[in-house]
Amino acid sequence: MLVFIEYPPCSTCKKAKKFLDHKGLAFKSRHIVQDTPTIDELNKWVEAHSLNVDKLFNTSGKVYRELGLKDKLKTMSLYEKLSLLASNGMLIKRPLLVGDDFVLVGFKEAAWEASLS
């Protein structure tokens, strides 16, 4: 089953959820702040799907800017980045759609369409 990791008030998450509903796809919703992905989950996704961990950061988010991560990420290890992401769901780009053989970060309809076809 697909896992849809979202922040419910987010307008992009709402669009993505509407897209999934329109496609008639079954998925389990997961609140990104109340049930933040763990270091192990994030690491599994990064390794299994060749994700660039930096792409998981919500670079337009308030927390990202407050922590001054734009420059700090360049010198951080993978473990430090994963630990930071797992510490605060608002640092993670959303929504995430996790399937058996893919992880989609952010909502780009064409990419979702291609992965779900």
Protein backbone atom coordinates (compact mmCIF):
# COMPACT_ATOMS: atom_id res chain seq x y z
CA MET A 1 0.00 0.00 0.00
CA LEU A 2 1.10 3.55 -0.73
CA VAL A 3 1.99 5.79 2.20
CA PHE A 4 1.13 9.46 1.74
CA ILE A 5 3.14 11.59 4.16
CA GLU A 6 1.59 15.02 4.44
CA TYR A 7 1.07 18.17 6.44
CA PRO A 8 -2.74 18.45 6.17
CA PRO A 9 -2.96 22.29 6.07
CA CYS A 10 -0.46 22.42 3.15
CA SER A 11 -2.12 23.38 -0.14
CA THR A 12 0.32 21.27 -2.18
CA CYS A 13 -0.48 18.25 -0.01
CA LYS A 14 -4.19 18.86 -0.59
CA LYS A 15 -3.63 18.92 -4.37
CA ALA A 16 -1.62 15.70 -4.22
CA LYS A 17 -4.25 13.98 -2.09
CA LYS A 18 -6.95 15.06 -4.55
CA PHE A 19 -4.83 13.63 -7.37
CA LEU A 20 -4.54 10.27 -5.57
CA ASP A 21 -8.26 10.22 -4.81
CA HIS A 22 -9.10 11.05 -8.44
CA LYS A 23 -6.90 8.13 -9.54
CA GLY A 24 -8.79 5.85 -7.15
CA LEU A 25 -5.58 4.77 -5.44
CA ALA A 26 -5.60 3.33 -1.93
CA PHE A 27 -3.13 4.96 0.43
CA LYS A 28 -2.44 5.41 4.10
CA SER A 29 -2.13 9.02 5.25
CA ARG A 30 0.57 9.95 7.72
CA HIS A 31 0.98 13.35 9.39
CA ILE A 32 4.55 14.51 8.82
CA VAL A 33 4.76 16.36 12.16
CA GLN A 34 2.87 13.97 14.41
CA ASP A 35 4.53 10.90 12.86
CA THR A 36 7.82 12.21 11.48
CA PRO A 37 9.86 9.73 9.43
CA THR A 38 12.66 8.16 11.46
CA ILE A 39 16.36 8.22 10.65
CA ASP A 40 16.10 4.56 9.61
CA GLU A 41 13.16 5.21 7.28
CA LEU A 42 14.82 8.22 5.70
CA ASN A 43 18.10 6.36 5.26
CA LYS A 44 16.30 3.38 3.71
CA TRP A 45 14.58 5.65 1.19
CA VAL A 46 17.79 7.49 0.35
CA GLU A 47 19.77 4.28 -0.16
CA ALA A 48 17.12 2.16 -1.88
CA HIS A 49 16.03 4.82 -4.33
CA SER A 50 19.27 6.75 -4.86
CA LEU A 51 17.73 9.92 -3.45
CA ASN A 52 19.88 12.96 -2.85
CA VAL A 53 19.23 13.59 0.84
CA ASP A 54 19.42 17.35 0.25
CA LYS A 55 16.28 17.06 -1.91
CA LEU A 56 14.36 15.97 1.21
CA PHE A 57 14.77 19.38 2.84
CA ASN A 58 11.92 21.87 2.71
CA THR A 59 14.12 24.75 1.58
CA SER A 60 11.24 27.22 1.54
CA GLY A 61 10.21 26.44 5.09
CA LYS A 62 10.51 28.72 8.10
CA VAL A 63 12.49 26.22 10.19
CA TYR A 64 15.01 25.67 7.38
CA ARG A 65 15.63 29.42 7.13
CA GLU A 66 15.73 29.95 10.91
CA LEU A 67 18.41 27.28 11.27
CA GLY A 68 20.45 28.78 8.40
CA LEU A 69 20.70 25.39 6.71
CA LYS A 70 21.44 26.67 3.22
CA ASP A 71 25.15 26.93 4.00
CA LYS A 72 25.36 24.38 6.83
CA LEU A 73 24.16 21.43 4.72
CA LYS A 74 27.29 21.63 2.56
CA THR A 75 29.49 20.48 5.43
CA MET A 76 27.14 18.05 7.18
CA SER A 77 27.46 14.27 6.98
CA LEU A 78 24.63 12.09 5.72
CA TYR A 79 23.88 10.97 9.29
CA GLU A 80 23.75 14.58 10.52
CA LYS A 81 21.32 15.49 7.73
CA LEU A 82 19.11 12.46 8.40
CA SER A 83 19.13 13.19 12.15
CA LEU A 84 18.10 16.77 11.50
CA LEU A 85 15.27 15.73 9.17
CA ALA A 86 14.01 13.14 11.66
CA SER A 87 14.05 15.72 14.45
CA ASN A 88 11.42 18.00 12.88
CA GLY A 89 8.86 17.05 10.24
CA MET A 90 8.62 20.66 9.10
CA LEU A 91 12.15 20.35 7.70
CA ILE A 92 11.02 17.66 5.25
CA LYS A 93 9.76 18.61 1.80
CA ARG A 94 6.20 17.49 1.43
CA PRO A 95 4.24 15.61 0.44
CA LEU A 96 6.07 12.31 0.22
CA LEU A 97 4.57 9.33 -1.51
CA VAL A 98 6.22 6.05 -0.62
CA GLY A 99 5.58 2.93 -2.66
CA ASP A 100 7.28 -0.44 -2.76
CA ASP A 101 9.76 0.67 -5.40
CA PHE A 102 9.70 4.47 -5.33
CA VAL A 103 9.66 7.57 -3.16
CA LEU A 104 8.25 10.79 -4.61
CA VAL A 105 9.28 14.03 -2.92
CA GLY A 106 7.06 17.07 -3.41
CA PHE A 107 4.12 17.06 -5.78
CA LYS A 108 4.86 17.26 -9.47
CA GLU A 109 1.82 15.82 -11.23
CA ALA A 110 3.73 14.54 -14.26
CA ALA A 111 6.26 12.66 -12.13
CA TRP A 112 3.51 11.18 -9.98
CA GLU A 113 1.55 10.18 -13.07
CA ALA A 114 4.61 8.43 -14.54
CA SER A 115 5.43 6.58 -11.31
CA LEU A 116 1.84 5.49 -10.70
CA SER A 117 1.07 4.29 -14.24
